[in-house]
N, C-alpha and C. Protein backbone atom coordinates (compact mmCIF):
# COMPACT_ATOMS: atom_id res chain seq x y z
N MET A 1 12.50 -28.29 -7.24
CA MET A 1 10.89 -27.94 -7.56
C MET A 1 10.30 -27.98 -6.29
N LEU A 2 9.34 -27.17 -6.35
CA LEU A 2 8.26 -26.78 -4.91
C LEU A 2 6.76 -27.34 -5.77
N THR A 3 6.28 -28.31 -5.10
CA THR A 3 4.52 -28.33 -5.68
C THR A 3 3.94 -27.51 -4.20
N VAL A 4 3.07 -26.48 -4.92
CA VAL A 4 1.88 -25.84 -4.14
C VAL A 4 1.17 -26.04 -4.17
N TYR A 5 0.07 -26.32 -3.18
CA TYR A 5 -1.70 -26.47 -3.46
C TYR A 5 -2.14 -25.60 -2.81
N ILE A 6 -3.17 -25.08 -3.80
CA ILE A 6 -3.75 -23.72 -3.77
C ILE A 6 -5.34 -23.55 -4.06
N GLU A 7 -6.24 -23.25 -2.92
CA GLU A 7 -7.39 -23.67 -3.33
C GLU A 7 -7.99 -23.23 -4.64
N ASP A 8 -9.21 -24.13 -4.92
CA ASP A 8 -10.03 -23.80 -6.74
C ASP A 8 -10.14 -22.23 -6.85
N GLU A 9 -10.57 -21.53 -5.70
CA GLU A 9 -10.71 -20.21 -5.92
C GLU A 9 -9.35 -19.16 -6.60
N LEU A 10 -8.30 -19.62 -5.66
CA LEU A 10 -7.07 -19.10 -5.96
C LEU A 10 -6.63 -19.68 -6.96
N GLU A 11 -6.13 -20.56 -7.36
CA GLU A 11 -6.11 -20.99 -8.58
C GLU A 11 -7.00 -20.52 -9.85
N ALA A 12 -8.59 -20.17 -10.17
CA ALA A 12 -8.67 -19.65 -10.98
C ALA A 12 -8.47 -18.07 -11.18
N GLU A 13 -8.49 -17.52 -9.93
CA GLU A 13 -7.89 -16.43 -9.96
C GLU A 13 -6.39 -15.69 -10.47
N LEU A 14 -5.48 -16.82 -10.07
CA LEU A 14 -4.04 -17.11 -10.98
C LEU A 14 -4.10 -17.25 -12.44
N ASN A 15 -5.01 -18.19 -12.55
CA ASN A 15 -4.98 -18.46 -14.00
C ASN A 15 -5.55 -17.27 -14.99
N GLN A 16 -6.54 -16.47 -14.33
CA GLN A 16 -7.23 -15.63 -14.99
C GLN A 16 -6.37 -14.24 -14.97
N LEU A 17 -5.69 -14.02 -14.07
CA LEU A 17 -4.24 -13.19 -13.92
C LEU A 17 -3.25 -13.15 -14.92
N ALA A 18 -2.99 -14.74 -15.28
CA ALA A 18 -1.85 -14.49 -15.88
C ALA A 18 -2.69 -14.62 -17.24
N LYS A 19 -4.01 -15.05 -17.74
CA LYS A 19 -4.54 -15.09 -19.18
C LYS A 19 -4.66 -13.37 -19.42
N GLN A 20 -4.94 -12.38 -18.49
CA GLN A 20 -4.94 -10.99 -18.91
C GLN A 20 -3.55 -10.38 -19.17
N GLN A 21 -2.36 -11.05 -18.59
CA GLN A 21 -1.36 -10.87 -18.69
C GLN A 21 -0.49 -11.35 -19.67
N HIS A 22 -0.85 -12.41 -20.28
CA HIS A 22 -0.16 -12.90 -21.31
C HIS A 22 1.03 -13.51 -20.95
N THR A 23 0.86 -13.97 -19.47
CA THR A 23 2.23 -14.76 -18.97
C THR A 23 1.89 -16.22 -18.63
N PRO A 24 2.54 -17.16 -18.72
CA PRO A 24 2.18 -18.32 -17.83
C PRO A 24 1.85 -18.31 -16.25
N PRO A 25 1.12 -18.66 -15.46
CA PRO A 25 0.95 -18.66 -14.24
C PRO A 25 2.29 -18.81 -13.37
N GLU A 26 3.46 -19.55 -13.72
CA GLU A 26 4.16 -20.08 -13.42
C GLU A 26 5.32 -18.80 -13.40
N GLN A 27 5.21 -18.38 -14.37
CA GLN A 27 6.04 -16.59 -14.27
C GLN A 27 5.24 -15.75 -13.80
N LEU A 28 3.98 -15.68 -13.87
CA LEU A 28 3.25 -15.15 -12.85
C LEU A 28 3.90 -15.17 -11.06
N VAL A 29 3.59 -16.30 -10.95
CA VAL A 29 4.46 -16.34 -9.46
C VAL A 29 5.62 -15.93 -9.39
N LYS A 30 6.41 -16.24 -10.03
CA LYS A 30 7.74 -16.04 -10.04
C LYS A 30 8.05 -14.30 -9.84
N ASN A 31 7.47 -13.70 -10.64
CA ASN A 31 7.17 -12.32 -10.89
C ASN A 31 6.50 -11.55 -9.47
N LEU A 32 5.75 -12.35 -8.85
CA LEU A 32 5.23 -12.14 -8.06
C LEU A 32 5.90 -12.03 -6.52
N LEU A 33 6.62 -13.20 -6.65
CA LEU A 33 7.57 -13.53 -5.61
C LEU A 33 8.53 -12.37 -5.59
N ALA A 34 9.43 -11.97 -7.02
CA ALA A 34 10.41 -11.21 -6.95
C ALA A 34 10.17 -9.60 -6.35
N SER A 35 8.83 -9.42 -6.48
CA SER A 35 8.20 -8.33 -6.30
C SER A 35 7.99 -8.25 -4.37
N TYR A 36 7.68 -8.84 -3.88
CA TYR A 36 7.37 -9.31 -2.72
C TYR A 36 8.74 -9.26 -1.82
N THR A 37 10.00 -10.06 -2.52
CA THR A 37 11.25 -10.27 -1.71
C THR A 37 11.95 -8.83 -2.17
N ALA A 38 11.63 -8.06 -2.91
CA ALA A 38 11.87 -6.51 -3.61
C ALA A 38 11.92 -5.46 -2.57
N LYS A 39 10.82 -5.78 -2.25
CA LYS A 39 9.53 -4.90 -0.99
C LYS A 39 10.45 -4.87 0.20
N GLN A 40 10.68 -6.64 0.82
CA GLN A 40 11.30 -6.72 2.02
C GLN A 40 12.47 -5.80 2.16
N LYS A 41 13.54 -6.05 1.03
CA LYS A 41 14.56 -5.36 1.64
C LYS A 41 14.67 -3.70 1.10
N GLU A 42 13.50 -3.04 0.73
CA GLU A 42 13.25 -1.80 1.14
C GLU A 42 13.38 -1.64 2.52
N PRO A 43 14.09 0.05 2.50
CA PRO A 43 13.75 0.36 3.98
C PRO A 43 12.43 0.74 4.51
N GLU A 44 12.23 0.50 5.76
CA GLU A 44 10.83 0.97 6.56
C GLU A 44 11.07 2.07 7.21
N LEU A 45 12.06 1.99 7.74
CA LEU A 45 11.98 3.35 8.36
C LEU A 45 12.82 4.82 7.81
N LEU A 46 12.09 6.10 8.00
CA LEU A 46 12.45 7.25 7.26
C LEU A 46 13.38 7.32 8.01
N ALA A 47 14.33 7.02 9.02
CA ALA A 47 15.92 7.56 9.17
C ALA A 47 16.89 6.55 7.99
N ASP A 48 15.93 5.40 8.08
CA ASP A 48 16.69 4.60 6.74
C ASP A 48 16.65 4.90 5.03
N ILE A 49 15.79 5.52 4.59
CA ILE A 49 15.56 6.39 3.83
C ILE A 49 16.61 7.38 3.70
N MET A 50 16.32 8.08 4.88
CA MET A 50 17.14 8.93 4.97
C MET A 50 18.70 8.98 4.45
N LYS A 51 19.04 8.10 5.07
CA LYS A 51 20.75 7.54 5.03
C LYS A 51 20.79 6.97 3.71
N GLU A 52 20.11 6.74 2.55
CA GLU A 52 20.21 6.25 1.19
C GLU A 52 20.48 7.67 0.27
N LEU A 53 19.69 8.98 0.86
CA LEU A 53 19.81 9.73 0.06
C LEU A 53 21.01 10.85 0.22
N PRO A 54 21.34 11.35 -1.45
CA PRO A 54 22.59 11.84 -1.22
C PRO A 54 22.86 13.04 -0.59
N GLU A 55 23.88 13.51 -0.38
CA GLU A 55 23.83 14.79 0.74
C GLU A 55 24.29 15.94 -0.27
N LEU A 56 23.50 16.91 -0.18
CA LEU A 56 23.13 18.26 -0.80
C LEU A 56 24.30 19.29 -0.14
N THR A 57 25.17 20.34 -0.59
CA THR A 57 25.99 20.43 -0.12
C THR A 57 25.33 22.02 -0.05
N THR A 58 24.65 21.96 -0.64
CA THR A 58 23.28 23.17 -0.63
C THR A 58 22.93 23.77 1.22
N PHE A 59 22.55 22.89 1.21
CA PHE A 59 21.56 22.96 2.63
C PHE A 59 23.06 22.40 3.97
N LYS A 60 24.49 22.65 3.66
CA LYS A 60 25.26 22.44 4.86
C LYS A 60 25.77 23.63 5.47
N GLY A 61 25.74 23.76 6.72
CA GLY A 61 25.87 25.05 7.06
C GLY A 61 24.84 25.43 8.20
N ASP A 62 25.03 26.78 8.73
CA ASP A 62 24.10 27.12 9.59
C ASP A 62 22.81 27.62 9.13
N PRO A 63 21.71 27.18 9.53
CA PRO A 63 20.20 27.10 8.82
C PRO A 63 19.63 28.53 8.94
N LEU A 64 20.15 29.25 9.92
CA LEU A 64 19.65 30.67 10.05
C LEU A 64 20.39 31.58 9.06
N THR A 65 22.07 31.20 8.67
CA THR A 65 22.50 32.29 7.49
C THR A 65 22.09 31.62 6.24
N LEU A 66 21.72 30.46 6.19
CA LEU A 66 21.13 29.96 4.71
C LEU A 66 20.02 30.69 4.70
N GLN A 67 19.31 30.92 5.79
CA GLN A 67 17.58 31.65 5.40
C GLN A 67 17.80 32.91 5.03
N LYS A 68 19.22 33.77 6.04
CA LYS A 68 19.01 34.95 5.56
C LYS A 68 19.74 35.26 4.13
N SER A 69 20.23 34.34 3.42
CA SER A 69 20.83 34.31 2.22
C SER A 69 19.60 34.19 1.06
N LEU A 70 18.76 33.48 1.66
CA LEU A 70 17.65 33.17 0.62
C LEU A 70 16.99 34.43 0.62
N ARG A 71 16.83 35.01 1.92
CA ARG A 71 16.25 36.19 1.77
C ARG A 71 16.60 36.87 1.33
N ASP A 72 17.68 37.38 1.68
CA ASP A 72 18.70 38.43 0.69
C ASP A 72 18.78 38.71 -0.77
N GLU A 73 18.66 37.32 -1.48
CA GLU A 73 18.24 37.35 -2.77
C GLU A 73 16.85 38.05 -3.12
N TRP A 74 16.21 38.00 -2.28
CA TRP A 74 14.53 38.56 -3.08
C TRP A 74 14.64 40.05 -2.80
N SER A 75 15.63 40.43 -2.30
CA SER A 75 15.44 42.10 -1.51
C SER A 75 16.40 42.92 -2.90
């Protein structure tokens, strides 16, 4: 167990949030920590995000050929 000492103003704000969410303050802190750690694990660079995207076979190949085929559909 860890004991954390916080200022009175922060304690009042925590208690108010807990009351609004009908959650014990301890659970609210756990939820906030879980949310914080989840965000820390998220990729921060666009290149990292792109690595996680699925590959679309539709856009493979020569871009000019793809563009021409799309334009030919409109003709």
